[in-house]
Amino acid sequence: MTLPKDETSQIEISTEYGTLRRVILCPPRYMAIEEAINEVQKQYEDENIDRGRAMAQYREFRDTLRAHGAEVIELEPSEEFPEQVFTRDIGFAVGDELFISRMASDIRQGEEEALEKLLREKEIRYRKLDGGRIEGGDVLVDRGTVYVGVSERTSRDAIRMLSEELPAHEIVPIEFDGKYLHLDCVFNILSPETALIFPEALNNEAVEKLSEKYDLIKVNADEQFTMGTNVLSIGGRKLFSLPVNPEVNRAMREHGYEVIEIDFTEIIKSGGSFRCCSMPVERS
């Protein structure tokens, strides 16, 4: 812990759907598929990323967040880190604690230090887990419960350590098919009552357990591939989603959500969408 707890730290994340007050983004200025580390990237490895188009899509997302009242903190991108746009993975907040992740992939190692430098500059308090690998895309918070994906990116050792660091929370490990990279690519919480799920990626026991708590909106395989599950809620039942996912957008609207559609198709070529590209620090 680098700073004592005080009111200036402004860390508070108790859900995935509270009003977004403060969030860390990173422009995709140097975004590229240099090493295909997920199934989506393999499809676009030859085509790669149009950085100009990715930057234009990012700016629309950033500016729309600001228009809805969120303070956007931008992490300065580095040519060393072609996947730095996915700030969600580099760190995550639970309650009034912010943790810096331990990145599993060689191509992403070093992003943690860049985030740590930014947090120091902004005087945002943070913590580090001593061992095990963990990435924020596998961590979803809903009040007293924290769901953590067991994946190639997040180890059971790290999940046990997280349990020790957060004794007031129930930590629920969720196993899923590792080819989908992170838990938020196949499961996402929209409200106390509703969640998105791509059930084919989870075992029946996990789906049943989640269905006892949430009305599950199922995402089909085509729209899972185009990151239909990876929406970002900003509070007031409003959320960001891609226009290329009409079925899940229709289903969310039928459940009473306001869907803000922004083209993010260049950025999703690297396997992440709105949730992956945002690291909330404060919600209310």
C-alpha atoms as a PDB file:
ATOM      1  CA  MET A   1       0.000   0.000   0.000  1.00  0.00           C
ATOM      2  CA  THR A   2       1.642   3.246  -1.095  1.00  0.00           C
ATOM      3  CA  LEU A   3      -0.726   5.765   0.434  1.00  0.00           C
ATOM      4  CA  PRO A   4      -2.809   5.699   3.608  1.00  0.00           C
ATOM      5  CA  LYS A   5      -6.564   5.487   3.338  1.00  0.00           C
ATOM      6  CA  ASP A   6      -8.062   8.946   3.111  1.00  0.00           C
ATOM      7  CA  GLU A   7     -10.819  10.759   1.289  1.00  0.00           C
ATOM      8  CA  THR A   8      -8.501  11.968  -1.480  1.00  0.00           C
ATOM      9  CA  SER A   9      -7.900   8.433  -2.756  1.00  0.00           C
ATOM     10  CA  GLN A  10     -11.454   8.236  -4.123  1.00  0.00           C
ATOM     11  CA  ILE A  11     -11.589   4.479  -4.574  1.00  0.00           C
ATOM     12  CA  GLU A  12     -14.997   2.861  -4.337  1.00  0.00           C
ATOM     13  CA  ILE A  13     -16.157  -0.046  -6.472  1.00  0.00           C
ATOM     14  CA  SER A  14     -18.910  -2.163  -4.989  1.00  0.00           C
ATOM     15  CA  THR A  15     -20.667  -3.181  -8.226  1.00  0.00           C
ATOM     16  CA  GLU A  16     -20.243  -3.438 -11.980  1.00  0.00           C
ATOM     17  CA  TYR A  17     -23.257  -1.181 -12.573  1.00  0.00           C
ATOM     18  CA  GLY A  18     -23.130   1.799 -10.188  1.00  0.00           C
ATOM     19  CA  THR A  19     -22.799   5.314 -11.593  1.00  0.00           C
ATOM     20  CA  LEU A  20     -19.313   5.603 -13.066  1.00  0.00           C
ATOM     21  CA  ARG A  21     -17.488   8.590 -11.530  1.00  0.00           C
ATOM     22  CA  ARG A  22     -13.831   7.972 -12.284  1.00  0.00           C
ATOM     23  CA  VAL A  23     -12.162   5.646 -14.794  1.00  0.00           C
ATOM     24  CA  ILE A  24      -8.716   4.966 -16.273  1.00  0.00           C
ATOM     25  CA  LEU A  25      -8.388   4.583 -20.054  1.00  0.00           C
ATOM     26  CA  CYS A  26      -5.404   4.301 -22.387  1.00  0.00           C
ATOM     27  CA  PRO A  27      -5.392   5.499 -26.024  1.00  0.00           C
ATOM     28  CA  PRO A  28      -4.630   2.720 -28.571  1.00  0.00           C
ATOM     29  CA  ARG A  29      -1.904   4.805 -30.224  1.00  0.00           C
ATOM     30  CA  TYR A  30       0.472   1.847 -30.542  1.00  0.00           C
ATOM     31  CA  MET A  31      -2.120  -0.922 -30.646  1.00  0.00           C
ATOM     32  CA  ALA A  32      -1.095  -3.964 -32.693  1.00  0.00           C
ATOM     33  CA  ILE A  33      -1.420  -7.734 -32.825  1.00  0.00           C
ATOM     34  CA  GLU A  34       2.222  -8.677 -32.411  1.00  0.00           C
ATOM     35  CA  GLU A  35       1.607 -12.076 -30.851  1.00  0.00           C
ATOM     36  CA  ALA A  36      -1.821 -13.727 -31.153  1.00  0.00           C
ATOM     37  CA  ILE A  37      -2.736 -14.560 -27.547  1.00  0.00           C
ATOM     38  CA  ASN A  38      -6.452 -15.271 -27.974  1.00  0.00           C
ATOM     39  CA  GLU A  39      -8.856 -16.764 -30.506  1.00  0.00           C
ATOM     40  CA  VAL A  40     -10.082 -13.382 -31.762  1.00  0.00           C
ATOM     41  CA  GLN A  41      -6.575 -12.118 -32.447  1.00  0.00           C
ATOM     42  CA  LYS A  42      -5.825 -15.258 -34.450  1.00  0.00           C
ATOM     43  CA  GLN A  43      -8.641 -14.306 -36.845  1.00  0.00           C
ATOM     44  CA  TYR A  44      -7.228 -10.820 -37.404  1.00  0.00           C
ATOM     45  CA  GLU A  45      -3.488 -11.471 -37.132  1.00  0.00           C
ATOM     46  CA  ASP A  46      -2.830 -10.923 -40.851  1.00  0.00           C
ATOM     47  CA  GLU A  47      -5.184  -7.956 -41.162  1.00  0.00           C
ATOM     48  CA  ASN A  48      -3.954  -6.400 -37.902  1.00  0.00           C
ATOM     49  CA  ILE A  49      -5.093  -3.055 -36.471  1.00  0.00           C
ATOM     50  CA  ASP A  50      -5.808   0.223 -38.262  1.00  0.00           C
ATOM     51  CA  ARG A  51      -4.484   2.504 -35.519  1.00  0.00           C
ATOM     52  CA  GLY A  52      -6.061   5.654 -36.945  1.00  0.00           C
ATOM     53  CA  ARG A  53      -9.480   4.026 -36.929  1.00  0.00           C
ATOM     54  CA  ALA A  54      -8.901   2.562 -33.463  1.00  0.00           C
ATOM     55  CA  MET A  55      -7.966   6.005 -32.126  1.00  0.00           C
ATOM     56  CA  ALA A  56     -11.105   7.572 -33.621  1.00  0.00           C
ATOM     57  CA  GLN A  57     -13.294   4.901 -32.015  1.00  0.00           C
ATOM     58  CA  TYR A  58     -11.489   5.319 -28.694  1.00  0.00           C
ATOM     59  CA  ARG A  59     -11.992   9.106 -28.738  1.00  0.00           C
ATOM     60  CA  GLU A  60     -15.735   8.711 -29.303  1.00  0.00           C
ATOM     61  CA  PHE A  61     -15.917   6.284 -26.376  1.00  0.00           C
ATOM     62  CA  ARG A  62     -13.834   8.571 -24.120  1.00  0.00           C
ATOM     63  CA  ASP A  63     -15.798  11.693 -25.015  1.00  0.00           C
ATOM     64  CA  THR A  64     -19.133   9.944 -24.494  1.00  0.00           C
ATOM     65  CA  LEU A  65     -18.015   8.783 -21.055  1.00  0.00           C
ATOM     66  CA  ARG A  66     -17.151  12.373 -20.183  1.00  0.00           C
ATOM     67  CA  ALA A  67     -20.502  13.575 -21.533  1.00  0.00           C
ATOM     68  CA  HIS A  68     -22.176  11.195 -19.073  1.00  0.00           C
ATOM     69  CA  GLY A  69     -20.279  12.699 -16.154  1.00  0.00           C
ATOM     70  CA  ALA A  70     -17.298  10.366 -15.751  1.00  0.00           C
ATOM     71  CA  GLU A  71     -13.860  11.757 -14.977  1.00  0.00           C
ATOM     72  CA  VAL A  72     -11.494  10.098 -17.439  1.00  0.00           C
ATOM     73  CA  ILE A  73      -7.862   9.614 -16.415  1.00  0.00           C
ATOM     74  CA  GLU A  74      -5.689   8.735 -19.399  1.00  0.00           C
ATOM     75  CA  LEU A  75      -2.677   6.467 -19.093  1.00  0.00           C
ATOM     76  CA  GLU A  76       0.059   7.563 -21.515  1.00  0.00           C
ATOM     77  CA  PRO A  77       0.581   4.699 -23.989  1.00  0.00           C
ATOM     78  CA  SER A  78       4.002   3.233 -24.774  1.00  0.00           C
ATOM     79  CA  GLU A  79       5.302   1.618 -27.954  1.00  0.00           C
ATOM     80  CA  GLU A  80       6.510  -1.244 -25.739  1.00  0.00           C
ATOM     81  CA  PHE A  81       2.952  -2.325 -24.907  1.00  0.00           C
ATOM     82  CA  PRO A  82       0.685  -2.965 -27.941  1.00  0.00           C
ATOM     83  CA  GLU A  83      -2.238  -4.118 -25.756  1.00  0.00           C
ATOM     84  CA  GLN A  84      -2.120  -1.346 -23.175  1.00  0.00           C
ATOM     85  CA  VAL A  85      -5.554  -0.095 -24.288  1.00  0.00           C
ATOM     86  CA  PHE A  86      -7.048  -2.908 -22.188  1.00  0.00           C
ATOM     87  CA  THR A  87      -6.611  -1.130 -18.863  1.00  0.00           C
ATOM     88  CA  ARG A  88      -9.135  -3.369 -17.095  1.00  0.00           C
ATOM     89  CA  ASP A  89      -6.609  -6.194 -17.029  1.00  0.00           C
ATOM     90  CA  ILE A  90      -3.769  -4.152 -15.492  1.00  0.00           C
ATOM     91  CA  GLY A  91      -5.637  -3.376 -12.279  1.00  0.00           C
ATOM     92  CA  PHE A  92      -8.978  -3.685 -10.536  1.00  0.00           C
ATOM     93  CA  ALA A  93     -10.779  -2.170  -7.562  1.00  0.00           C
ATOM     94  CA  VAL A  94     -12.928  -3.900  -4.963  1.00  0.00           C
ATOM     95  CA  GLY A  95     -14.557  -1.785  -2.281  1.00  0.00           C
ATOM     96  CA  ASP A  96     -12.034   0.881  -1.293  1.00  0.00           C
ATOM     97  CA  GLU A  97      -8.991  -1.130  -2.411  1.00  0.00           C
ATOM     98  CA  LEU A  98      -7.284  -0.943  -5.794  1.00  0.00           C
ATOM     99  CA  PHE A  99      -5.023  -3.826  -6.764  1.00  0.00           C
ATOM    100  CA  ILE A 100      -2.357  -3.823  -9.453  1.00  0.00           C
ATOM    101  CA  SER A 101      -2.582  -7.043 -11.427  1.00  0.00           C
ATOM    102  CA  ARG A 102       0.172  -9.565 -12.082  1.00  0.00           C
ATOM    103  CA  MET A 103       0.092 -10.039 -15.840  1.00  0.00           C
ATOM    104  CA  ALA A 104       0.442 -13.577 -17.155  1.00  0.00           C
ATOM    105  CA  SER A 105       1.409 -12.960 -20.795  1.00  0.00           C
ATOM    106  CA  ASP A 106       5.002 -11.951 -21.565  1.00  0.00           C
ATOM    107  CA  ILE A 107       3.824  -9.361 -24.080  1.00  0.00           C
ATOM    108  CA  ARG A 108       1.890  -7.524 -21.353  1.00  0.00           C
ATOM    109  CA  GLN A 109       4.408  -7.677 -18.537  1.00  0.00           C
ATOM    110  CA  GLY A 110       5.652  -4.197 -17.709  1.00  0.00           C
ATOM    111  CA  GLU A 111       2.248  -2.581 -18.092  1.00  0.00           C
ATOM    112  CA  GLU A 112       1.912  -2.872 -14.307  1.00  0.00           C
ATOM    113  CA  GLU A 113       4.814  -0.479 -13.737  1.00  0.00           C
ATOM    114  CA  ALA A 114       3.306   2.093 -16.105  1.00  0.00           C
ATOM    115  CA  LEU A 115       0.013   1.932 -14.197  1.00  0.00           C
ATOM    116  CA  GLU A 116       1.826   2.187 -10.870  1.00  0.00           C
ATOM    117  CA  LYS A 117       3.583   5.356 -12.049  1.00  0.00           C
ATOM    118  CA  LEU A 118       0.245   6.918 -13.039  1.00  0.00           C
ATOM    119  CA  LEU A 119      -1.372   6.004  -9.722  1.00  0.00           C
ATOM    120  CA  ARG A 120       1.508   7.597  -7.838  1.00  0.00           C
ATOM    121  CA  GLU A 121       1.204  10.775  -9.914  1.00  0.00           C
ATOM    122  CA  LYS A 122      -2.555  10.959  -9.278  1.00  0.00           C
ATOM    123  CA  GLU A 123      -2.096  10.015  -5.593  1.00  0.00           C
ATOM    124  CA  ILE A 124      -4.435   7.066  -5.966  1.00  0.00           C
ATOM    125  CA  ARG A 125      -3.773   4.434  -3.323  1.00  0.00           C
ATOM    126  CA  TYR A 126      -3.048   0.900  -4.522  1.00  0.00           C
ATOM    127  CA  ARG A 127      -1.940  -2.516  -3.365  1.00  0.00           C
ATOM    128  CA  LYS A 128      -0.097  -5.468  -4.869  1.00  0.00           C
ATOM    129  CA  LEU A 129      -0.676  -9.159  -4.330  1.00  0.00           C
ATOM    130  CA  ASP A 130       2.530 -10.949  -3.338  1.00  0.00           C
ATOM    131  CA  GLY A 131       2.264 -13.952  -5.643  1.00  0.00           C
ATOM    132  CA  GLY A 132       0.225 -15.727  -8.277  1.00  0.00           C
ATOM    133  CA  ARG A 133      -1.005 -14.184 -11.491  1.00  0.00           C
ATOM    134  CA  ILE A 134      -4.284 -12.281 -11.696  1.00  0.00           C
ATOM    135  CA  GLU A 135      -5.815  -9.969 -14.291  1.00  0.00           C
ATOM    136  CA  GLY A 136      -8.752  -7.607 -13.836  1.00  0.00           C
ATOM    137  CA  GLY A 137     -10.755  -9.057 -16.728  1.00  0.00           C
ATOM    138  CA  ASP A 138     -11.346 -12.094 -14.522  1.00  0.00           C
ATOM    139  CA  VAL A 139     -12.696 -10.054 -11.575  1.00  0.00           C
ATOM    140  CA  LEU A 140     -16.362  -8.995 -11.320  1.00  0.00           C
ATOM    141  CA  VAL A 141     -17.836  -7.323  -8.243  1.00  0.00           C
ATOM    142  CA  ASP A 142     -21.433  -7.371  -7.031  1.00  0.00           C
ATOM    143  CA  ARG A 143     -21.715  -5.882  -3.542  1.00  0.00           C
ATOM    144  CA  GLY A 144     -20.389  -8.439  -1.062  1.00  0.00           C
ATOM    145  CA  THR A 145     -19.542 -11.014  -3.731  1.00  0.00           C
ATOM    146  CA  VAL A 146     -16.510 -11.067  -6.009  1.00  0.00           C
ATOM    147  CA  TYR A 147     -16.592 -13.519  -8.923  1.00  0.00           C
ATOM    148  CA  VAL A 148     -13.117 -14.467 -10.134  1.00  0.00           C
ATOM    149  CA  GLY A 149     -12.463 -16.472 -13.271  1.00  0.00           C
ATOM    150  CA  VAL A 150     -10.047 -19.377 -13.024  1.00  0.00           C
ATOM    151  CA  SER A 151      -8.104 -19.047 -16.263  1.00  0.00           C
ATOM    152  CA  GLU A 152      -4.708 -19.122 -17.891  1.00  0.00           C
ATOM    153  CA  ARG A 153      -4.445 -15.493 -16.748  1.00  0.00           C
ATOM    154  CA  THR A 154      -5.664 -15.876 -13.151  1.00  0.00           C
ATOM    155  CA  SER A 155      -4.391 -18.625 -10.859  1.00  0.00           C
ATOM    156  CA  ARG A 156      -6.023 -20.241  -7.861  1.00  0.00           C
ATOM    157  CA  ASP A 157      -3.079 -19.090  -5.726  1.00  0.00           C
ATOM    158  CA  ALA A 158      -3.866 -15.479  -6.538  1.00  0.00           C
ATOM    159  CA  ILE A 159      -7.561 -16.065  -5.833  1.00  0.00           C
ATOM    160  CA  ARG A 160      -6.691 -17.432  -2.399  1.00  0.00           C
ATOM    161  CA  MET A 161      -4.519 -14.380  -1.713  1.00  0.00           C
ATOM    162  CA  LEU A 162      -7.332 -12.098  -2.821  1.00  0.00           C
ATOM    163  CA  SER A 163      -9.631 -13.853  -0.329  1.00  0.00           C
ATOM    164  CA  GLU A 164      -7.157 -13.081   2.423  1.00  0.00           C
ATOM    165  CA  GLU A 165      -6.942  -9.430   1.392  1.00  0.00           C
ATOM    166  CA  LEU A 166     -10.743  -9.048   1.219  1.00  0.00           C
ATOM    167  CA  PRO A 167     -12.119 -10.856   4.280  1.00  0.00           C
ATOM    168  CA  ALA A 168     -15.409  -8.935   4.155  1.00  0.00           C
ATOM    169  CA  HIS A 169     -16.186 -10.273   0.670  1.00  0.00           C
ATOM    170  CA  GLU A 170     -17.200 -13.712  -0.539  1.00  0.00           C
ATOM    171  CA  ILE A 171     -14.783 -14.724  -3.289  1.00  0.00           C
ATOM    172  CA  VAL A 172     -16.431 -17.085  -5.789  1.00  0.00           C
ATOM    173  CA  PRO A 173     -14.080 -18.821  -8.265  1.00  0.00           C
ATOM    174  CA  ILE A 174     -15.670 -19.583 -11.643  1.00  0.00           C
ATOM    175  CA  GLU A 175     -14.080 -22.023 -14.056  1.00  0.00           C
ATOM    176  CA  PHE A 176     -14.601 -21.465 -17.771  1.00  0.00           C
ATOM    177  CA  ASP A 177     -13.113 -22.516 -21.093  1.00  0.00           C
ATOM    178  CA  GLY A 178      -9.710 -20.815 -21.253  1.00  0.00           C
ATOM    179  CA  LYS A 179      -9.877 -20.088 -24.962  1.00  0.00           C
ATOM    180  CA  TYR A 180     -12.159 -17.165 -24.074  1.00  0.00           C
ATOM    181  CA  LEU A 181      -9.289 -15.437 -22.235  1.00  0.00           C
ATOM    182  CA  HIS A 182     -11.127 -13.656 -19.376  1.00  0.00           C
ATOM    183  CA  LEU A 183     -14.336 -14.179 -17.433  1.00  0.00           C
ATOM    184  CA  ASP A 184     -15.773 -10.869 -18.659  1.00  0.00           C
ATOM    185  CA  CYS A 185     -15.715 -12.257 -22.216  1.00  0.00           C
ATOM    186  CA  VAL A 186     -18.373 -14.809 -21.220  1.00  0.00           C
ATOM    187  CA  PHE A 187     -20.124 -13.324 -18.147  1.00  0.00           C
ATOM    188  CA  ASN A 188     -21.028  -9.785 -17.112  1.00  0.00           C
ATOM    189  CA  ILE A 189     -23.269  -8.324 -14.408  1.00  0.00           C
ATOM    190  CA  LEU A 190     -25.745  -5.604 -15.449  1.00  0.00           C
ATOM    191  CA  SER A 191     -27.733  -5.092 -12.229  1.00  0.00           C
ATOM    192  CA  PRO A 192     -28.601  -6.893  -8.977  1.00  0.00           C
ATOM    193  CA  GLU A 193     -31.079  -8.938 -11.001  1.00  0.00           C
ATOM    194  CA  THR A 194     -29.608  -9.331 -14.500  1.00  0.00           C
ATOM    195  CA  ALA A 195     -26.422 -10.643 -16.114  1.00  0.00           C
ATOM    196  CA  LEU A 196     -25.130 -11.551 -19.556  1.00  0.00           C
ATOM    197  CA  ILE A 197     -23.737 -15.010 -20.156  1.00  0.00           C
ATOM    198  CA  PHE A 198     -22.296 -17.137 -22.916  1.00  0.00           C
ATOM    199  CA  PRO A 199     -23.265 -20.481 -21.359  1.00  0.00           C
ATOM    200  CA  GLU A 200     -21.225 -22.651 -23.721  1.00  0.00           C
ATOM    201  CA  ALA A 201     -18.032 -21.426 -22.042  1.00  0.00           C
ATOM    202  CA  LEU A 202     -19.049 -22.510 -18.518  1.00  0.00           C
ATOM    203  CA  ASN A 203     -19.933 -25.862 -17.021  1.00  0.00           C
ATOM    204  CA  ASN A 204     -23.535 -26.643 -16.081  1.00  0.00           C
ATOM    205  CA  GLU A 205     -22.861 -26.281 -12.366  1.00  0.00           C
ATOM    206  CA  ALA A 206     -21.540 -22.739 -12.786  1.00  0.00           C
ATOM    207  CA  VAL A 207     -24.449 -21.720 -15.032  1.00  0.00           C
ATOM    208  CA  GLU A 208     -26.964 -23.122 -12.544  1.00  0.00           C
ATOM    209  CA  LYS A 209     -25.309 -21.304  -9.657  1.00  0.00           C
ATOM    210  CA  LEU A 210     -25.378 -17.997 -11.502  1.00  0.00           C
ATOM    211  CA  SER A 211     -28.970 -18.523 -12.648  1.00  0.00           C
ATOM    212  CA  GLU A 212     -30.046 -18.781  -9.005  1.00  0.00           C
ATOM    213  CA  LYS A 213     -28.913 -15.185  -8.485  1.00  0.00           C
ATOM    214  CA  TYR A 214     -29.482 -13.528 -11.866  1.00  0.00           C
ATOM    215  CA  ASP A 215     -31.903 -13.495 -14.762  1.00  0.00           C
ATOM    216  CA  LEU A 216     -29.362 -14.574 -17.370  1.00  0.00           C
ATOM    217  CA  ILE A 217     -29.474 -13.033 -20.837  1.00  0.00           C
ATOM    218  CA  LYS A 218     -27.816 -15.535 -23.150  1.00  0.00           C
ATOM    219  CA  VAL A 219     -25.356 -14.285 -25.762  1.00  0.00           C
ATOM    220  CA  ASN A 220     -25.037 -16.377 -28.922  1.00  0.00           C
ATOM    221  CA  ALA A 221     -21.715 -17.581 -30.326  1.00  0.00           C
ATOM    222  CA  ASP A 222     -21.511 -15.013 -33.130  1.00  0.00           C
ATOM    223  CA  GLU A 223     -22.101 -12.102 -30.784  1.00  0.00           C
ATOM    224  CA  GLN A 224     -19.771 -13.528 -28.147  1.00  0.00           C
ATOM    225  CA  PHE A 225     -17.040 -13.447 -30.799  1.00  0.00           C
ATOM    226  CA  THR A 226     -17.791  -9.751 -31.380  1.00  0.00           C
ATOM    227  CA  MET A 227     -17.610  -9.112 -27.624  1.00  0.00           C
ATOM    228  CA  GLY A 228     -21.369  -9.061 -26.972  1.00  0.00           C
ATOM    229  CA  THR A 229     -20.804  -9.929 -23.324  1.00  0.00           C
ATOM    230  CA  ASN A 230     -18.130  -7.273 -22.767  1.00  0.00           C
ATOM    231  CA  VAL A 231     -20.405  -4.264 -22.254  1.00  0.00           C
ATOM    232  CA  LEU A 232     -19.678  -1.405 -19.841  1.00  0.00           C
ATOM    233  CA  SER A 233     -22.388  -0.210 -17.456  1.00  0.00           C
ATOM    234  CA  ILE A 234     -22.192   3.431 -16.359  1.00  0.00           C
ATOM    235  CA  GLY A 235     -25.165   3.608 -13.951  1.00  0.00           C
ATOM    236  CA  GLY A 236     -28.850   4.423 -14.279  1.00  0.00           C
ATOM    237  CA  ARG A 237     -29.328   1.243 -16.342  1.00  0.00           C
ATOM    238  CA  LYS A 238     -27.200   2.755 -19.126  1.00  0.00           C
ATOM    239  CA  LEU A 239     -24.437   0.804 -20.826  1.00  0.00           C
ATOM    240  CA  PHE A 240     -22.098   0.776 -23.802  1.00  0.00           C
ATOM    241  CA  SER A 241     -22.446  -1.953 -26.421  1.00  0.00           C
ATOM    242  CA  LEU A 242     -21.451  -2.482 -30.048  1.00  0.00           C
ATOM    243  CA  PRO A 243     -23.985  -1.972 -32.860  1.00  0.00           C
ATOM    244  CA  VAL A 244     -22.721  -5.213 -34.469  1.00  0.00           C
ATOM    245  CA  ASN A 245     -24.456  -7.142 -31.649  1.00  0.00           C
ATOM    246  CA  PRO A 246     -28.160  -6.472 -32.365  1.00  0.00           C
ATOM    247  CA  GLU A 247     -29.555  -9.539 -30.593  1.00  0.00           C
ATOM    248  CA  VAL A 248     -27.979  -8.855 -27.225  1.00  0.00           C
ATOM    249  CA  ASN A 249     -28.752  -5.132 -27.584  1.00  0.00           C
ATOM    250  CA  ARG A 250     -32.402  -5.919 -28.252  1.00  0.00           C
ATOM    251  CA  ALA A 251     -32.541  -8.275 -25.263  1.00  0.00           C
ATOM    252  CA  MET A 252     -30.977  -5.682 -22.947  1.00  0.00           C
ATOM    253  CA  ARG A 253     -33.429  -3.018 -24.112  1.00  0.00           C
ATOM    254  CA  GLU A 254     -36.299  -5.419 -23.472  1.00  0.00           C
ATOM    255  CA  HIS A 255     -34.970  -5.746 -19.915  1.00  0.00           C
ATOM    256  CA  GLY A 256     -35.159  -1.972 -19.490  1.00  0.00           C
ATOM    257  CA  TYR A 257     -31.571  -0.905 -20.268  1.00  0.00           C
ATOM    258  CA  GLU A 258     -30.547   2.124 -22.293  1.00  0.00           C
ATOM    259  CA  VAL A 259     -27.984   0.861 -24.791  1.00  0.00           C
ATOM    260  CA  ILE A 260     -25.426   3.382 -26.026  1.00  0.00           C
ATOM    261  CA  GLU A 261     -24.114   1.991 -29.297  1.00  0.00           C
ATOM    262  CA  ILE A 262     -20.596   2.974 -30.366  1.00  0.00           C
ATOM    263  CA  ASP A 263     -18.551   1.369 -33.133  1.00  0.00           C
ATOM    264  CA  PHE A 264     -15.589  -0.377 -31.522  1.00  0.00           C
ATOM    265  CA  THR A 265     -14.970  -2.928 -34.261  1.00  0.00           C
ATOM    266  CA  GLU A 266     -11.310  -2.017 -34.796  1.00  0.00           C
ATOM    267  CA  ILE A 267     -10.445  -2.374 -31.126  1.00  0.00           C
ATOM    268  CA  ILE A 268     -12.302  -5.664 -30.655  1.00  0.00           C
ATOM    269  CA  LYS A 269      -9.994  -7.269 -33.237  1.00  0.00           C
ATOM    270  CA  SER A 270      -7.580  -7.690 -30.334  1.00  0.00           C
ATOM    271  CA  GLY A 271     -10.136  -9.545 -28.200  1.00  0.00           C
ATOM    272  CA  GLY A 272     -11.563  -6.893 -25.878  1.00  0.00           C
ATOM    273  CA  SER A 273     -14.309  -4.284 -25.865  1.00  0.00           C
ATOM    274  CA  PHE A 274     -15.723  -1.542 -23.635  1.00  0.00           C
ATOM    275  CA  ARG A 275     -15.263  -3.308 -20.296  1.00  0.00           C
ATOM    276  CA  CYS A 276     -11.743  -4.423 -21.182  1.00  0.00           C
ATOM    277  CA  CYS A 277     -10.808  -0.852 -22.167  1.00  0.00           C
ATOM    278  CA  SER A 278     -11.912   0.760 -18.906  1.00  0.00           C
ATOM    279  CA  MET A 279     -10.608   0.463 -15.357  1.00  0.00           C
ATOM    280  CA  PRO A 280     -13.185   2.006 -12.988  1.00  0.00           C
ATOM    281  CA  VAL A 281     -11.762   3.622  -9.870  1.00  0.00           C
ATOM    282  CA  GLU A 282     -14.927   5.127  -8.429  1.00  0.00           C
ATOM    283  CA  ARG A 283     -18.617   4.330  -8.738  1.00  0.00           C
ATOM    284  CA  SER A 284     -21.539   5.517  -6.660  1.00  0.00           C
END
